[in-house]
Amino acid sequence: MTPEIARKVIGQFRGQAKAAQQVDDLTDREREVLELVMHGDGNKAIAERLGVTVAAVKWHLQHIYEKLHVHSRTEAALKFKQGQGSEN
């Protein structure tokens, strides 16, 4: 393995470890919201499924974005999946 490839591999592992730590910082409810986001549910569907208001879902998503350092549902879902993947 070349040094450049080794650096990329190590960087990937560090990224996964960081994502895992950020995912660990999520509350159980935030994890529930993200699971439903990953299934493609919209805010209204998530709210109905969890028995909360749409405003509550938006509030949770905002905190998720802040904790994961992302700006969209797609980024949050990808980082959540990446963080979970390093646990398995």
PDB file of N, CA and C in Angstrom:
ATOM      1  N   MET A   1       0.851  -1.173   0.000  1.00  0.00           N
ATOM      2  CA  MET A   1       0.000   0.000   0.000  1.00  0.00           C
ATOM      3  C   MET A   1       0.899   1.241   0.000  1.00  0.00           C
ATOM      4  N   THR A   2       0.567   2.167  -0.867  1.00  0.00           N
ATOM      5  CA  THR A   2       1.360   3.392  -0.945  1.00  0.00           C
ATOM      6  C   THR A   2       1.032   4.296   0.249  1.00  0.00           C
ATOM      7  N   PRO A   3       1.932   5.202   0.596  1.00  0.00           N
ATOM      8  CA  PRO A   3       1.656   6.121   1.703  1.00  0.00           C
ATOM      9  C   PRO A   3       0.393   6.963   1.469  1.00  0.00           C
ATOM     10  N   GLU A   4       0.167   7.369   0.231  1.00  0.00           N
ATOM     11  CA  GLU A   4      -1.023   8.176  -0.061  1.00  0.00           C
ATOM     12  C   GLU A   4      -2.310   7.378   0.189  1.00  0.00           C
ATOM     13  N   ILE A   5      -2.327   6.134  -0.238  1.00  0.00           N
ATOM     14  CA  ILE A   5      -3.507   5.278  -0.022  1.00  0.00           C
ATOM     15  C   ILE A   5      -3.681   5.037   1.477  1.00  0.00           C
ATOM     16  N   ALA A   6      -2.590   4.810   2.177  1.00  0.00           N
ATOM     17  CA  ALA A   6      -2.664   4.590   3.627  1.00  0.00           C
ATOM     18  C   ALA A   6      -3.263   5.803   4.328  1.00  0.00           C
ATOM     19  N   ARG A   7      -2.863   7.007   3.921  1.00  0.00           N
ATOM     20  CA  ARG A   7      -3.419   8.234   4.501  1.00  0.00           C
ATOM     21  C   ARG A   7      -4.918   8.319   4.244  1.00  0.00           C
ATOM     22  N   LYS A   8      -5.343   7.969   3.044  1.00  0.00           N
ATOM     23  CA  LYS A   8      -6.774   8.014   2.718  1.00  0.00           C
ATOM     24  C   LYS A   8      -7.556   7.011   3.562  1.00  0.00           C
ATOM     25  N   VAL A   9      -7.010   5.833   3.733  1.00  0.00           N
ATOM     26  CA  VAL A   9      -7.685   4.808   4.547  1.00  0.00           C
ATOM     27  C   VAL A   9      -7.796   5.270   5.995  1.00  0.00           C
ATOM     28  N   ILE A  10      -6.696   5.788   6.525  1.00  0.00           N
ATOM     29  CA  ILE A  10      -6.706   6.281   7.906  1.00  0.00           C
ATOM     30  C   ILE A  10      -7.690   7.442   8.045  1.00  0.00           C
ATOM     31  N   GLY A  11      -7.710   8.332   7.077  1.00  0.00           N
ATOM     32  CA  GLY A  11      -8.661   9.454   7.092  1.00  0.00           C
ATOM     33  C   GLY A  11     -10.101   8.974   7.090  1.00  0.00           C
ATOM     34  N   GLN A  12     -10.376   7.940   6.329  1.00  0.00           N
ATOM     35  CA  GLN A  12     -11.728   7.377   6.279  1.00  0.00           C
ATOM     36  C   GLN A  12     -12.125   6.822   7.650  1.00  0.00           C
ATOM     37  N   PHE A  13     -11.210   6.100   8.293  1.00  0.00           N
ATOM     38  CA  PHE A  13     -11.499   5.556   9.618  1.00  0.00           C
ATOM     39  C   PHE A  13     -11.712   6.664  10.646  1.00  0.00           C
ATOM     40  N   ARG A  14     -10.913   7.715  10.546  1.00  0.00           N
ATOM     41  CA  ARG A  14     -11.087   8.843  11.465  1.00  0.00           C
ATOM     42  C   ARG A  14     -12.439   9.508  11.254  1.00  0.00           C
ATOM     43  N   GLY A  15     -12.846   9.650   9.996  1.00  0.00           N
ATOM     44  CA  GLY A  15     -14.154  10.230   9.687  1.00  0.00           C
ATOM     45  C   GLY A  15     -15.287   9.387  10.249  1.00  0.00           C
ATOM     46  N   GLN A  16     -15.156   8.078  10.147  1.00  0.00           N
ATOM     47  CA  GLN A  16     -16.180   7.183  10.686  1.00  0.00           C
ATOM     48  C   GLN A  16     -16.223   7.278  12.206  1.00  0.00           C
ATOM     49  N   ALA A  17     -15.076   7.362  12.835  1.00  0.00           N
ATOM     50  CA  ALA A  17     -15.022   7.467  14.296  1.00  0.00           C
ATOM     51  C   ALA A  17     -15.660   8.773  14.760  1.00  0.00           C
ATOM     52  N   LYS A  18     -15.378   9.856  14.039  1.00  0.00           N
ATOM     53  CA  LYS A  18     -15.959  11.149  14.391  1.00  0.00           C
ATOM     54  C   LYS A  18     -17.473  11.116  14.201  1.00  0.00           C
ATOM     55  N   ALA A  19     -17.941  10.533  13.095  1.00  0.00           N
ATOM     56  CA  ALA A  19     -19.375  10.423  12.842  1.00  0.00           C
ATOM     57  C   ALA A  19     -20.035   9.581  13.923  1.00  0.00           C
ATOM     58  N   ALA A  20     -19.383   8.500  14.343  1.00  0.00           N
ATOM     59  CA  ALA A  20     -19.935   7.634  15.390  1.00  0.00           C
ATOM     60  C   ALA A  20     -20.083   8.407  16.693  1.00  0.00           C
ATOM     61  N   GLN A  21     -19.094   9.237  17.030  1.00  0.00           N
ATOM     62  CA  GLN A  21     -19.168  10.029  18.251  1.00  0.00           C
ATOM     63  C   GLN A  21     -20.319  11.023  18.169  1.00  0.00           C
ATOM     64  N   GLN A  22     -20.477  11.665  17.026  1.00  0.00           N
ATOM     65  CA  GLN A  22     -21.563  12.622  16.862  1.00  0.00           C
ATOM     66  C   GLN A  22     -22.918  11.923  16.940  1.00  0.00           C
ATOM     67  N   VAL A  23     -23.035  10.743  16.355  1.00  0.00           N
ATOM     68  CA  VAL A  23     -24.286   9.974  16.422  1.00  0.00           C
ATOM     69  C   VAL A  23     -24.563   9.573  17.869  1.00  0.00           C
ATOM     70  N   ASP A  24     -23.531   9.222  18.618  1.00  0.00           N
ATOM     71  CA  ASP A  24     -23.702   8.868  20.030  1.00  0.00           C
ATOM     72  C   ASP A  24     -24.276  10.028  20.837  1.00  0.00           C
ATOM     73  N   ASP A  25     -24.025  11.257  20.402  1.00  0.00           N
ATOM     74  CA  ASP A  25     -24.504  12.439  21.113  1.00  0.00           C
ATOM     75  C   ASP A  25     -25.990  12.732  20.863  1.00  0.00           C
ATOM     76  N   LEU A  26     -26.611  12.030  19.924  1.00  0.00           N
ATOM     77  CA  LEU A  26     -28.024  12.248  19.625  1.00  0.00           C
ATOM     78  C   LEU A  26     -28.898  11.622  20.710  1.00  0.00           C
ATOM     79  N   THR A  27     -30.036  12.266  20.955  1.00  0.00           N
ATOM     80  CA  THR A  27     -31.000  11.689  21.900  1.00  0.00           C
ATOM     81  C   THR A  27     -31.748  10.545  21.217  1.00  0.00           C
ATOM     82  N   ASP A  28     -32.451   9.764  22.014  1.00  0.00           N
ATOM     83  CA  ASP A  28     -33.238   8.668  21.449  1.00  0.00           C
ATOM     84  C   ASP A  28     -34.274   9.195  20.453  1.00  0.00           C
ATOM     85  N   ARG A  29     -34.916  10.302  20.778  1.00  0.00           N
ATOM     86  CA  ARG A  29     -35.930  10.873  19.886  1.00  0.00           C
ATOM     87  C   ARG A  29     -35.295  11.351  18.592  1.00  0.00           C
ATOM     88  N   GLU A  30     -34.134  11.971  18.681  1.00  0.00           N
ATOM     89  CA  GLU A  30     -33.436  12.427  17.477  1.00  0.00           C
ATOM     90  C   GLU A  30     -33.079  11.235  16.587  1.00  0.00           C
ATOM     91  N   ARG A  31     -32.696  10.134  17.206  1.00  0.00           N
ATOM     92  CA  ARG A  31     -32.411   8.914  16.440  1.00  0.00           C
ATOM     93  C   ARG A  31     -33.670   8.395  15.754  1.00  0.00           C
ATOM     94  N   GLU A  32     -34.794   8.439  16.471  1.00  0.00           N
ATOM     95  CA  GLU A  32     -36.061   8.000  15.882  1.00  0.00           C
ATOM     96  C   GLU A  32     -36.410   8.853  14.661  1.00  0.00           C
ATOM     97  N   VAL A  33     -36.260  10.163  14.814  1.00  0.00           N
ATOM     98  CA  VAL A  33     -36.544  11.075  13.702  1.00  0.00           C
ATOM     99  C   VAL A  33     -35.639  10.756  12.523  1.00  0.00           C
ATOM    100  N   LEU A  34     -34.361  10.560  12.774  1.00  0.00           N
ATOM    101  CA  LEU A  34     -33.422  10.271  11.687  1.00  0.00           C
ATOM    102  C   LEU A  34     -33.713   8.941  11.011  1.00  0.00           C
ATOM    103  N   GLU A  35     -34.114   7.941  11.766  1.00  0.00           N
ATOM    104  CA  GLU A  35     -34.491   6.653  11.166  1.00  0.00           C
ATOM    105  C   GLU A  35     -35.630   6.856  10.172  1.00  0.00           C
ATOM    106  N   LEU A  36     -36.617   7.659  10.554  1.00  0.00           N
ATOM    107  CA  LEU A  36     -37.751   7.912   9.669  1.00  0.00           C
ATOM    108  C   LEU A  36     -37.345   8.768   8.474  1.00  0.00           C
ATOM    109  N   VAL A  37     -36.434   9.701   8.683  1.00  0.00           N
ATOM    110  CA  VAL A  37     -35.897  10.488   7.564  1.00  0.00           C
ATOM    111  C   VAL A  37     -35.222   9.552   6.568  1.00  0.00           C
ATOM    112  N   MET A  38     -34.463   8.597   7.082  1.00  0.00           N
ATOM    113  CA  MET A  38     -33.763   7.649   6.214  1.00  0.00           C
ATOM    114  C   MET A  38     -34.734   6.780   5.420  1.00  0.00           C
ATOM    115  N   HIS A  39     -35.929   6.585   5.944  1.00  0.00           N
ATOM    116  CA  HIS A  39     -36.955   5.825   5.219  1.00  0.00           C
ATOM    117  C   HIS A  39     -37.713   6.710   4.223  1.00  0.00           C
ATOM    118  N   GLY A  40     -37.359   7.986   4.177  1.00  0.00           N
ATOM    119  CA  GLY A  40     -37.956   8.889   3.206  1.00  0.00           C
ATOM    120  C   GLY A  40     -39.212   9.593   3.670  1.00  0.00           C
ATOM    121  N   ASP A  41     -39.523   9.476   4.952  1.00  0.00           N
ATOM    122  CA  ASP A  41     -40.724  10.132   5.477  1.00  0.00           C
ATOM    123  C   ASP A  41     -40.526  11.642   5.557  1.00  0.00           C
ATOM    124  N   GLY A  42     -41.590  12.375   5.269  1.00  0.00           N
ATOM    125  CA  GLY A  42     -41.587  13.826   5.401  1.00  0.00           C
ATOM    126  C   GLY A  42     -41.900  14.222   6.837  1.00  0.00           C
ATOM    127  N   ASN A  43     -41.808  15.508   7.120  1.00  0.00           N
ATOM    128  CA  ASN A  43     -42.042  15.999   8.478  1.00  0.00           C
ATOM    129  C   ASN A  43     -43.427  15.638   9.002  1.00  0.00           C
ATOM    130  N   LYS A  44     -44.445  15.772   8.167  1.00  0.00           N
ATOM    131  CA  LYS A  44     -45.813  15.484   8.597  1.00  0.00           C
ATOM    132  C   LYS A  44     -45.968  14.003   8.941  1.00  0.00           C
ATOM    133  N   ALA A  45     -45.429  13.134   8.108  1.00  0.00           N
ATOM    134  CA  ALA A  45     -45.515  11.691   8.362  1.00  0.00           C
ATOM    135  C   ALA A  45     -44.752  11.314   9.630  1.00  0.00           C
ATOM    136  N   ILE A  46     -43.595  11.929   9.830  1.00  0.00           N
ATOM    137  CA  ILE A  46     -42.803  11.665  11.033  1.00  0.00           C
ATOM    138  C   ILE A  46     -43.578  12.110  12.268  1.00  0.00           C
ATOM    139  N   ALA A  47     -44.174  13.299  12.191  1.00  0.00           N
ATOM    140  CA  ALA A  47     -44.951  13.827  13.312  1.00  0.00           C
ATOM    141  C   ALA A  47     -46.104  12.892  13.663  1.00  0.00           C
ATOM    142  N   GLU A  48     -46.825  12.426  12.655  1.00  0.00           N
ATOM    143  CA  GLU A  48     -47.949  11.525  12.897  1.00  0.00           C
ATOM    144  C   GLU A  48     -47.471  10.210  13.502  1.00  0.00           C
ATOM    145  N   ARG A  49     -46.400   9.688  12.989  1.00  0.00           N
ATOM    146  CA  ARG A  49     -45.864   8.398  13.465  1.00  0.00           C
ATOM    147  C   ARG A  49     -45.403   8.487  14.913  1.00  0.00           C
ATOM    148  N   LEU A  50     -44.795   9.619  15.276  1.00  0.00           N
ATOM    149  CA  LEU A  50     -44.251   9.770  16.632  1.00  0.00           C
ATOM    150  C   LEU A  50     -45.238  10.420  17.602  1.00  0.00           C
ATOM    151  N   GLY A  51     -46.368  10.884  17.091  1.00  0.00           N
ATOM    152  CA  GLY A  51     -47.368  11.512  17.947  1.00  0.00           C
ATOM    153  C   GLY A  51     -46.954  12.874  18.464  1.00  0.00           C
ATOM    154  N   VAL A  52     -46.255  13.621  17.605  1.00  0.00           N
ATOM    155  CA  VAL A  52     -45.815  14.978  17.962  1.00  0.00           C
ATOM    156  C   VAL A  52     -46.261  15.940  16.861  1.00  0.00           C
ATOM    157  N   THR A  53     -46.005  17.216  17.059  1.00  0.00           N
ATOM    158  CA  THR A  53     -46.353  18.199  16.043  1.00  0.00           C
ATOM    159  C   THR A  53     -45.266  18.281  14.985  1.00  0.00           C
ATOM    160  N   VAL A  54     -45.626  18.861  13.841  1.00  0.00           N
ATOM    161  CA  VAL A  54     -44.640  19.089  12.787  1.00  0.00           C
ATOM    162  C   VAL A  54     -43.556  20.041  13.293  1.00  0.00           C
ATOM    163  N   ALA A  55     -43.953  21.013  14.102  1.00  0.00           N
ATOM    164  CA  ALA A  55     -42.981  21.953  14.681  1.00  0.00           C
ATOM    165  C   ALA A  55     -41.959  21.210  15.547  1.00  0.00           C
ATOM    166  N   ALA A  56     -42.406  20.200  16.280  1.00  0.00           N
ATOM    167  CA  ALA A  56     -41.488  19.418  17.110  1.00  0.00           C
ATOM    168  C   ALA A  56     -40.494  18.652  16.238  1.00  0.00           C
ATOM    169  N   VAL A  57     -40.967  18.120  15.124  1.00  0.00           N
ATOM    170  CA  VAL A  57     -40.079  17.406  14.203  1.00  0.00           C
ATOM    171  C   VAL A  57     -39.027  18.368  13.666  1.00  0.00           C
ATOM    172  N   LYS A  58     -39.451  19.560  13.258  1.00  0.00           N
ATOM    173  CA  LYS A  58     -38.513  20.566  12.752  1.00  0.00           C
ATOM    174  C   LYS A  58     -37.505  20.954  13.830  1.00  0.00           C
ATOM    175  N   TRP A  59     -37.961  21.067  15.074  1.00  0.00           N
ATOM    176  CA  TRP A  59     -37.086  21.407  16.189  1.00  0.00           C
ATOM    177  C   TRP A  59     -36.024  20.322  16.360  1.00  0.00           C
ATOM    178  N   HIS A  60     -36.460  19.048  16.322  1.00  0.00           N
ATOM    179  CA  HIS A  60     -35.505  17.940  16.442  1.00  0.00           C
ATOM    180  C   HIS A  60     -34.517  17.944  15.280  1.00  0.00           C
ATOM    181  N   LEU A  61     -35.012  18.170  14.078  1.00  0.00           N
ATOM    182  CA  LEU A  61     -34.122  18.196  12.912  1.00  0.00           C
ATOM    183  C   LEU A  61     -33.079  19.296  13.038  1.00  0.00           C
ATOM    184  N   GLN A  62     -33.480  20.457  13.514  1.00  0.00           N
ATOM    185  CA  GLN A  62     -32.517  21.551  13.697  1.00  0.00           C
ATOM    186  C   GLN A  62     -31.408  21.150  14.653  1.00  0.00           C
ATOM    187  N   HIS A  63     -31.763  20.498  15.756  1.00  0.00           N
ATOM    188  CA  HIS A  63     -30.755  20.051  16.718  1.00  0.00           C
ATOM    189  C   HIS A  63     -29.885  18.934  16.139  1.00  0.00           C
ATOM    190  N   ILE A  64     -30.482  18.073  15.347  1.00  0.00           N
ATOM    191  CA  ILE A  64     -29.716  17.021  14.674  1.00  0.00           C
ATOM    192  C   ILE A  64     -28.672  17.646  13.760  1.00  0.00           C
ATOM    193  N   TYR A  65     -29.097  18.625  12.959  1.00  0.00           N
ATOM    194  CA  TYR A  65     -28.169  19.304  12.040  1.00  0.00           C
ATOM    195  C   TYR A  65     -27.005  19.925  12.810  1.00  0.00           C
ATOM    196  N   GLU A  66     -27.314  20.561  13.930  1.00  0.00           N
ATOM    197  CA  GLU A  66     -26.271  21.204  14.731  1.00  0.00           C
ATOM    198  C   GLU A  66     -25.300  20.164  15.296  1.00  0.00           C
ATOM    199  N   LYS A  67     -25.837  19.077  15.840  1.00  0.00           N
ATOM    200  CA  LYS A  67     -24.984  18.060  16.457  1.00  0.00           C
ATOM    201  C   LYS A  67     -24.128  17.320  15.440  1.00  0.00           C
ATOM    202  N   LEU A  68     -24.679  17.095  14.239  1.00  0.00           N
ATOM    203  CA  LEU A  68     -23.942  16.363  13.214  1.00  0.00           C
ATOM    204  C   LEU A  68     -23.144  17.286  12.296  1.00  0.00           C
ATOM    205  N   HIS A  69     -23.302  18.586  12.479  1.00  0.00           N
ATOM    206  CA  HIS A  69     -22.600  19.583  11.659  1.00  0.00           C
ATOM    207  C   HIS A  69     -22.936  19.400  10.170  1.00  0.00           C
ATOM    208  N   VAL A  70     -24.242  19.362   9.882  1.00  0.00           N
ATOM    209  CA  VAL A  70     -24.729  19.218   8.510  1.00  0.00           C
ATOM    210  C   VAL A  70     -25.776  20.291   8.251  1.00  0.00           C
ATOM    211  N   HIS A  71     -26.220  20.368   6.976  1.00  0.00           N
ATOM    212  CA  HIS A  71     -27.168  21.416   6.603  1.00  0.00           C
ATOM    213  C   HIS A  71     -28.425  20.889   5.914  1.00  0.00           C
ATOM    214  N   SER A  72     -28.545  19.572   5.783  1.00  0.00           N
ATOM    215  CA  SER A  72     -29.716  19.037   5.093  1.00  0.00           C
ATOM    216  C   SER A  72     -30.076  17.655   5.619  1.00  0.00           C
ATOM    217  N   ARG A  73     -31.294  17.219   5.272  1.00  0.00           N
ATOM    218  CA  ARG A  73     -31.768  15.886   5.648  1.00  0.00           C
ATOM    219  C   ARG A  73     -30.862  14.809   5.059  1.00  0.00           C
ATOM    220  N   THR A  74     -30.468  15.014   3.808  1.00  0.00           N
ATOM    221  CA  THR A  74     -29.632  14.018   3.128  1.00  0.00           C
ATOM    222  C   THR A  74     -28.289  13.884   3.824  1.00  0.00           C
ATOM    223  N   GLU A  75     -27.663  15.006   4.129  1.00  0.00           N
ATOM    224  CA  GLU A  75     -26.377  14.968   4.832  1.00  0.00           C
ATOM    225  C   GLU A  75     -26.530  14.304   6.206  1.00  0.00           C
ATOM    226  N   ALA A  76     -27.601  14.632   6.904  1.00  0.00           N
ATOM    227  CA  ALA A  76     -27.832  14.055   8.230  1.00  0.00           C
ATOM    228  C   ALA A  76     -28.008  12.543   8.129  1.00  0.00           C
ATOM    229  N   ALA A  77     -28.791  12.103   7.153  1.00  0.00           N
ATOM    230  CA  ALA A  77     -29.022  10.666   6.975  1.00  0.00           C
ATOM    231  C   ALA A  77     -27.724   9.940   6.636  1.00  0.00           C
ATOM    232  N   LEU A  78     -26.917  10.529   5.767  1.00  0.00           N
ATOM    233  CA  LEU A  78     -25.644   9.906   5.395  1.00  0.00           C
ATOM    234  C   LEU A  78     -24.689   9.819   6.585  1.00  0.00           C
ATOM    235  N   LYS A  79     -24.610  10.895   7.360  1.00  0.00           N
ATOM    236  CA  LYS A  79     -23.707  10.888   8.506  1.00  0.00           C
ATOM    237  C   LYS A  79     -24.206   9.911   9.571  1.00  0.00           C
ATOM    238  N   PHE A  80     -25.522   9.841   9.746  1.00  0.00           N
ATOM    239  CA  PHE A  80     -26.107   8.905  10.704  1.00  0.00           C
ATOM    240  C   PHE A  80     -25.782   7.472  10.299  1.00  0.00           C
ATOM    241  N   LYS A  81     -25.942   7.190   9.022  1.00  0.00           N
ATOM    242  CA  LYS A  81     -25.634   5.848   8.527  1.00  0.00           C
ATOM    243  C   LYS A  81     -24.149   5.546   8.685  1.00  0.00           C
ATOM    244  N   GLN A  82     -23.299   6.513   8.381  1.00  0.00           N
ATOM    245  CA  GLN A  82     -21.855   6.338   8.508  1.00  0.00           C
ATOM    246  C   GLN A  82     -21.492   6.085   9.984  1.00  0.00           C
ATOM    247  N   GLY A  83     -22.088   6.842  10.877  1.00  0.00           N
ATOM    248  CA  GLY A  83     -21.809   6.688  12.302  1.00  0.00           C
ATOM    249  C   GLY A  83     -22.282   5.358  12.853  1.00  0.00           C
ATOM    250  N   GLN A  84     -23.400   4.875  12.344  1.00  0.00           N
ATOM    251  CA  GLN A  84     -23.894   3.567  12.771  1.00  0.00           C
ATOM    252  C   GLN A  84     -23.047   2.455  12.194  1.00  0.00           C
ATOM    253  N   GLY A  85     -22.581   2.638  10.970  1.00  0.00           N
ATOM    254  CA  GLY A  85     -21.794   1.616  10.305  1.00  0.00           C
ATOM    255  C   GLY A  85     -20.494   1.307  10.998  1.00  0.00           C
ATOM    256  N   SER A  86     -19.910   2.284  11.637  1.00  0.00           N
ATOM    257  CA  SER A  86     -18.637   2.053  12.321  1.00  0.00           C
ATOM    258  C   SER A  86     -18.837   1.339  13.655  1.00  0.00           C
ATOM    259  N   GLU A  87     -20.090   1.274  14.127  1.00  0.00           N
ATOM    260  CA  GLU A  87     -20.368   0.559  15.381  1.00  0.00           C
ATOM    261  C   GLU A  87     -20.491  -0.933  15.127  1.00  0.00           C
ATOM    262  N   ASN A  88     -20.838  -1.328  13.894  1.00  0.00           N
ATOM    263  CA  ASN A  88     -21.087  -2.735  13.592  1.00  0.00           C
ATOM    264  C   ASN A  88     -19.836  -3.441  13.175  1.00  0.00           C
TER     265      ASN A  88
END
